[in-house]
N, C-alpha and C. Protein backbone atom coordinates (compact mmCIF):
# COMPACT_ATOMS: atom_id res chain seq x y z
N MET A 1 24.62 76.80 132.94
CA MET A 1 25.78 76.50 132.12
C MET A 1 25.34 75.66 130.93
N LYS A 2 25.90 75.98 129.80
CA LYS A 2 25.59 75.25 128.57
C LYS A 2 26.18 73.83 128.64
N PRO A 3 25.57 72.90 127.89
CA PRO A 3 26.20 71.57 127.82
C PRO A 3 27.55 71.69 127.14
N ARG A 4 28.43 70.76 127.46
CA ARG A 4 29.81 70.82 126.94
C ARG A 4 29.85 70.84 125.42
N ASN A 5 28.93 70.12 124.77
CA ASN A 5 28.99 70.09 123.30
C ASN A 5 28.59 71.42 122.67
N ALA A 6 28.08 72.36 123.47
CA ALA A 6 27.76 73.70 122.96
C ALA A 6 28.99 74.61 122.98
N LEU A 7 30.04 74.20 123.68
CA LEU A 7 31.27 74.99 123.73
C LEU A 7 32.07 74.80 122.46
N PRO A 8 32.89 75.78 122.11
CA PRO A 8 33.76 75.62 120.93
C PRO A 8 34.72 74.45 121.12
N GLN A 9 35.08 73.82 120.03
CA GLN A 9 35.92 72.62 120.07
C GLN A 9 37.25 72.88 120.76
N LYS A 10 37.84 74.04 120.52
CA LYS A 10 39.13 74.38 121.13
C LYS A 10 39.02 74.45 122.66
N GLU A 11 37.92 75.03 123.15
CA GLU A 11 37.71 75.11 124.60
C GLU A 11 37.41 73.74 125.19
N ARG A 12 36.60 72.94 124.50
CA ARG A 12 36.31 71.58 124.98
C ARG A 12 37.59 70.77 125.12
N HIS A 13 38.45 70.88 124.11
CA HIS A 13 39.72 70.15 124.14
C HIS A 13 40.59 70.61 125.32
N ALA A 14 40.65 71.92 125.54
CA ALA A 14 41.45 72.45 126.64
C ALA A 14 40.91 72.00 127.99
N ARG A 15 39.58 71.99 128.13
CA ARG A 15 38.98 71.54 129.39
C ARG A 15 39.25 70.05 129.64
N SER A 16 39.15 69.25 128.59
CA SER A 16 39.43 67.82 128.73
C SER A 16 40.88 67.58 129.10
N LYS A 17 41.78 68.29 128.45
CA LYS A 17 43.22 68.15 128.74
C LYS A 17 43.52 68.55 130.17
N ALA A 18 42.94 69.67 130.62
CA ALA A 18 43.16 70.14 131.99
C ALA A 18 42.65 69.11 133.01
N ALA A 19 41.45 68.58 132.78
CA ALA A 19 40.89 67.59 133.70
C ALA A 19 41.76 66.33 133.74
N LYS A 20 42.22 65.89 132.59
CA LYS A 20 43.07 64.69 132.52
C LYS A 20 44.38 64.91 133.26
N LEU A 21 45.00 66.07 133.05
CA LEU A 21 46.26 66.37 133.74
C LEU A 21 46.06 66.41 135.25
N ILE A 22 45.00 67.05 135.71
CA ILE A 22 44.75 67.17 137.15
C ILE A 22 44.50 65.80 137.78
N HIS A 23 43.72 64.97 137.10
CA HIS A 23 43.34 63.68 137.69
C HIS A 23 44.38 62.59 137.53
N ASP A 24 45.12 62.61 136.42
CA ASP A 24 45.97 61.47 136.10
C ASP A 24 47.46 61.70 136.25
N SER A 25 47.90 62.94 136.34
CA SER A 25 49.33 63.22 136.27
C SER A 25 49.81 64.03 137.46
N PRO A 26 50.94 63.64 138.05
CA PRO A 26 51.51 64.52 139.07
C PRO A 26 52.07 65.77 138.40
N LEU A 27 52.00 66.88 139.09
CA LEU A 27 52.55 68.10 138.53
C LEU A 27 53.12 68.94 139.66
N VAL A 28 54.02 69.85 139.29
CA VAL A 28 54.62 70.74 140.28
C VAL A 28 54.79 72.11 139.63
N ILE A 29 54.48 73.16 140.41
CA ILE A 29 54.66 74.53 139.95
C ILE A 29 56.08 74.93 140.31
N GLY A 30 56.90 75.06 139.30
CA GLY A 30 58.28 75.43 139.54
C GLY A 30 59.06 75.46 138.24
N SER A 31 60.32 75.81 138.35
CA SER A 31 61.21 75.86 137.20
C SER A 31 62.44 75.02 137.48
N LEU A 32 62.94 74.40 136.44
CA LEU A 32 64.16 73.62 136.58
C LEU A 32 65.36 74.50 136.25
N VAL A 33 66.36 74.42 137.09
CA VAL A 33 67.56 75.23 136.95
C VAL A 33 68.77 74.31 136.97
N GLU A 34 69.62 74.44 135.95
CA GLU A 34 70.85 73.64 135.93
C GLU A 34 71.91 74.38 136.73
N MET A 35 72.50 73.69 137.69
CA MET A 35 73.52 74.27 138.54
C MET A 35 74.88 73.67 138.18
N ALA A 36 75.93 74.44 138.33
CA ALA A 36 77.29 73.98 138.10
C ALA A 36 78.10 74.34 139.33
N ASN A 37 78.65 73.33 140.00
CA ASN A 37 79.36 73.54 141.26
C ASN A 37 80.74 72.90 141.25
N THR A 38 81.55 73.35 142.19
CA THR A 38 82.85 72.71 142.42
C THR A 38 82.76 71.97 143.74
N CYS A 39 83.47 70.84 143.82
CA CYS A 39 83.40 70.03 145.03
C CYS A 39 84.48 70.39 146.04
N GLY A 40 85.52 71.04 145.61
CA GLY A 40 86.58 71.44 146.53
C GLY A 40 87.80 70.54 146.54
N LYS A 41 87.72 69.38 145.90
CA LYS A 41 88.88 68.49 145.84
C LYS A 41 89.91 69.09 144.88
N PRO A 42 91.17 69.19 145.30
CA PRO A 42 92.16 69.87 144.46
C PRO A 42 92.47 69.17 143.14
N ASN A 43 92.34 67.86 143.06
CA ASN A 43 92.68 67.13 141.83
C ASN A 43 91.46 66.80 140.97
N CYS A 44 90.29 67.30 141.34
CA CYS A 44 89.06 67.00 140.60
C CYS A 44 89.00 67.82 139.32
N LYS A 45 88.26 67.32 138.35
CA LYS A 45 88.08 68.04 137.08
C LYS A 45 87.44 69.41 137.28
N CYS A 46 86.65 69.56 138.34
CA CYS A 46 85.98 70.84 138.56
C CYS A 46 86.98 71.93 138.98
N ALA A 47 88.11 71.54 139.55
CA ALA A 47 89.13 72.52 139.93
C ALA A 47 89.77 73.13 138.69
N LYS A 48 89.68 72.41 137.57
CA LYS A 48 90.24 72.90 136.30
C LYS A 48 89.19 73.62 135.44
N GLY A 49 87.99 73.77 135.97
CA GLY A 49 86.96 74.53 135.25
C GLY A 49 85.79 73.71 134.74
N ASP A 50 85.91 72.37 134.71
CA ASP A 50 84.81 71.51 134.24
C ASP A 50 83.92 71.16 135.43
N LYS A 51 83.00 72.05 135.75
CA LYS A 51 82.21 71.92 136.98
C LYS A 51 81.21 70.76 136.92
N HIS A 52 80.83 70.29 138.12
CA HIS A 52 79.82 69.24 138.25
C HIS A 52 78.45 69.86 138.01
N LYS A 53 77.65 69.22 137.16
CA LYS A 53 76.32 69.76 136.83
C LYS A 53 75.24 68.93 137.52
N SER A 54 74.23 69.64 137.99
CA SER A 54 73.07 68.98 138.58
C SER A 54 71.85 69.87 138.36
N TRP A 55 70.67 69.32 138.62
CA TRP A 55 69.43 70.07 138.44
C TRP A 55 68.81 70.38 139.79
N CYS A 56 68.22 71.58 139.86
CA CYS A 56 67.47 72.00 141.04
C CYS A 56 66.09 72.44 140.58
N LEU A 57 65.13 72.30 141.47
CA LEU A 57 63.77 72.75 141.21
C LEU A 57 63.56 74.03 142.02
N ALA A 58 63.27 75.12 141.33
CA ALA A 58 62.98 76.40 141.99
C ALA A 58 61.47 76.48 142.22
N VAL A 59 61.07 76.55 143.49
CA VAL A 59 59.65 76.62 143.86
C VAL A 59 59.46 77.75 144.86
N ARG A 60 58.22 78.13 145.06
CA ARG A 60 57.90 79.12 146.09
C ARG A 60 57.22 78.39 147.24
N ASP A 61 57.68 78.69 148.45
CA ASP A 61 57.10 78.12 149.66
C ASP A 61 56.83 79.27 150.62
N GLN A 62 55.56 79.53 150.85
CA GLN A 62 55.11 80.63 151.70
C GLN A 62 55.71 81.96 151.24
N GLY A 63 55.71 82.15 149.92
CA GLY A 63 56.16 83.40 149.34
C GLY A 63 57.67 83.52 149.16
N LYS A 64 58.42 82.54 149.61
CA LYS A 64 59.87 82.59 149.48
C LYS A 64 60.33 81.54 148.47
N ARG A 65 61.35 81.92 147.71
CA ARG A 65 61.89 80.99 146.71
C ARG A 65 62.79 79.96 147.38
N LYS A 66 62.60 78.71 146.98
CA LYS A 66 63.42 77.61 147.48
C LYS A 66 64.01 76.87 146.30
N MET A 67 65.22 76.41 146.46
CA MET A 67 65.86 75.58 145.45
C MET A 67 66.00 74.18 146.04
N LEU A 68 65.38 73.21 145.38
CA LEU A 68 65.45 71.82 145.83
C LEU A 68 66.32 71.02 144.88
N HIS A 69 67.36 70.41 145.40
CA HIS A 69 68.22 69.59 144.56
C HIS A 69 67.44 68.37 144.09
N ILE A 70 67.57 68.04 142.82
CA ILE A 70 66.90 66.87 142.24
C ILE A 70 67.94 65.76 142.07
N PRO A 71 67.78 64.64 142.79
CA PRO A 71 68.71 63.52 142.60
C PRO A 71 68.65 63.03 141.16
N HIS A 72 69.78 62.56 140.68
CA HIS A 72 69.89 62.13 139.27
C HIS A 72 68.80 61.12 138.90
N GLU A 73 68.49 60.20 139.79
CA GLU A 73 67.51 59.15 139.48
C GLU A 73 66.07 59.69 139.40
N LEU A 74 65.83 60.90 139.89
CA LEU A 74 64.49 61.49 139.82
C LEU A 74 64.35 62.57 138.75
N GLU A 75 65.43 62.89 138.05
CA GLU A 75 65.41 63.99 137.09
C GLU A 75 64.31 63.85 136.05
N SER A 76 64.23 62.71 135.38
CA SER A 76 63.24 62.57 134.31
C SER A 76 61.82 62.68 134.85
N GLU A 77 61.59 62.16 136.04
CA GLU A 77 60.27 62.21 136.64
C GLU A 77 59.87 63.66 136.97
N VAL A 78 60.79 64.41 137.57
CA VAL A 78 60.51 65.80 137.93
C VAL A 78 60.36 66.66 136.68
N PHE A 79 61.17 66.39 135.64
CA PHE A 79 61.02 67.10 134.37
C PHE A 79 59.60 66.91 133.84
N GLU A 80 59.08 65.70 133.94
CA GLU A 80 57.72 65.39 133.48
C GLU A 80 56.68 66.15 134.30
N TRP A 81 56.87 66.24 135.61
CA TRP A 81 55.93 66.96 136.47
C TRP A 81 55.86 68.43 136.10
N VAL A 82 57.02 69.04 135.84
CA VAL A 82 57.06 70.45 135.44
C VAL A 82 56.39 70.62 134.08
N LYS A 83 56.65 69.68 133.16
CA LYS A 83 56.02 69.74 131.84
C LYS A 83 54.50 69.63 131.96
N ASN A 84 54.01 68.76 132.85
CA ASN A 84 52.57 68.61 133.06
C ASN A 84 51.95 69.93 133.54
N TYR A 85 52.64 70.61 134.45
CA TYR A 85 52.12 71.89 134.93
C TYR A 85 52.06 72.91 133.79
N ARG A 86 53.09 72.95 132.96
CA ARG A 86 53.10 73.91 131.85
C ARG A 86 51.96 73.62 130.88
N GLU A 87 51.68 72.35 130.62
CA GLU A 87 50.55 71.99 129.74
C GLU A 87 49.23 72.40 130.38
N LEU A 88 49.10 72.18 131.69
CA LEU A 88 47.88 72.58 132.40
C LEU A 88 47.70 74.10 132.31
N ARG A 89 48.78 74.82 132.49
CA ARG A 89 48.70 76.27 132.43
C ARG A 89 48.27 76.75 131.04
N LYS A 90 48.79 76.11 129.98
CA LYS A 90 48.38 76.48 128.62
C LYS A 90 46.89 76.20 128.42
N ALA A 91 46.42 75.05 128.92
CA ALA A 91 45.01 74.71 128.79
C ALA A 91 44.15 75.73 129.54
N MET A 92 44.58 76.13 130.72
CA MET A 92 43.83 77.12 131.50
C MET A 92 43.81 78.47 130.80
N GLU A 93 44.90 78.84 130.15
CA GLU A 93 44.93 80.10 129.40
C GLU A 93 43.93 80.07 128.24
N THR A 94 43.83 78.91 127.57
CA THR A 94 42.87 78.77 126.47
C THR A 94 41.44 78.90 126.99
N ILE A 95 41.15 78.27 128.11
CA ILE A 95 39.82 78.34 128.71
C ILE A 95 39.51 79.77 129.14
N SER A 96 40.47 80.42 129.76
CA SER A 96 40.28 81.80 130.20
C SER A 96 40.02 82.72 129.01
N GLN A 97 40.79 82.56 127.95
CA GLN A 97 40.61 83.41 126.77
C GLN A 97 39.21 83.20 126.18
N ALA A 98 38.74 81.97 126.16
CA ALA A 98 37.38 81.70 125.65
C ALA A 98 36.34 82.41 126.50
N ASN A 99 36.55 82.43 127.81
CA ASN A 99 35.61 83.10 128.70
C ASN A 99 35.67 84.62 128.55
N VAL A 100 36.85 85.16 128.32
CA VAL A 100 36.97 86.61 128.07
C VAL A 100 36.22 86.96 126.80
N GLU A 101 36.38 86.15 125.76
CA GLU A 101 35.64 86.39 124.51
C GLU A 101 34.14 86.29 124.74
N ARG A 102 33.72 85.34 125.58
CA ARG A 102 32.30 85.17 125.89
C ARG A 102 31.76 86.40 126.61
N ILE A 103 32.52 86.93 127.56
CA ILE A 103 32.11 88.13 128.30
C ILE A 103 31.99 89.32 127.34
N THR A 104 32.97 89.48 126.48
CA THR A 104 32.95 90.57 125.51
C THR A 104 31.72 90.47 124.62
N LEU A 105 31.42 89.28 124.14
CA LEU A 105 30.26 89.07 123.30
C LEU A 105 28.97 89.38 124.05
N LEU A 106 28.85 88.90 125.29
CA LEU A 106 27.64 89.16 126.09
C LEU A 106 27.49 90.64 126.38
N LYS A 107 28.59 91.30 126.65
CA LYS A 107 28.57 92.74 126.94
C LYS A 107 28.10 93.52 125.72
N ASN A 108 28.59 93.13 124.55
CA ASN A 108 28.21 93.82 123.32
C ASN A 108 26.75 93.58 122.96
N THR A 109 26.25 92.37 123.19
CA THR A 109 24.85 92.09 122.87
C THR A 109 23.91 92.78 123.88
N ALA A 110 24.38 92.98 125.12
CA ALA A 110 23.56 93.66 126.13
C ALA A 110 23.40 95.14 125.79
N LYS A 111 24.38 95.74 125.12
CA LYS A 111 24.31 97.15 124.74
C LYS A 111 23.30 97.39 123.65
N GLU A 112 23.07 96.37 122.83
CA GLU A 112 22.17 96.53 121.68
C GLU A 112 20.73 96.49 122.04
């Protein structure tokens, strides 16, 4: 493997970002879904159409989709975890694309 400084700057940056996210930040693979529910009380605002809103985290557990209710006090924290995963995924896509380009280049030089 080449030394890191031999890699393109874009790939080095993506690798550094991915390592930092993995080591320093909690992350979760999932999507946030805003839910709107009625509580069933006849005099509540939700009975008139103004439903109660809350957030759920959609995740996969053993191949099945699960919806986990996010308590209001944890919303910002869980939003950050999902954002961290999305950033990690973007960094991994950049690294993967650089490797695909590297394979293509090696394949073309081997033909010559």
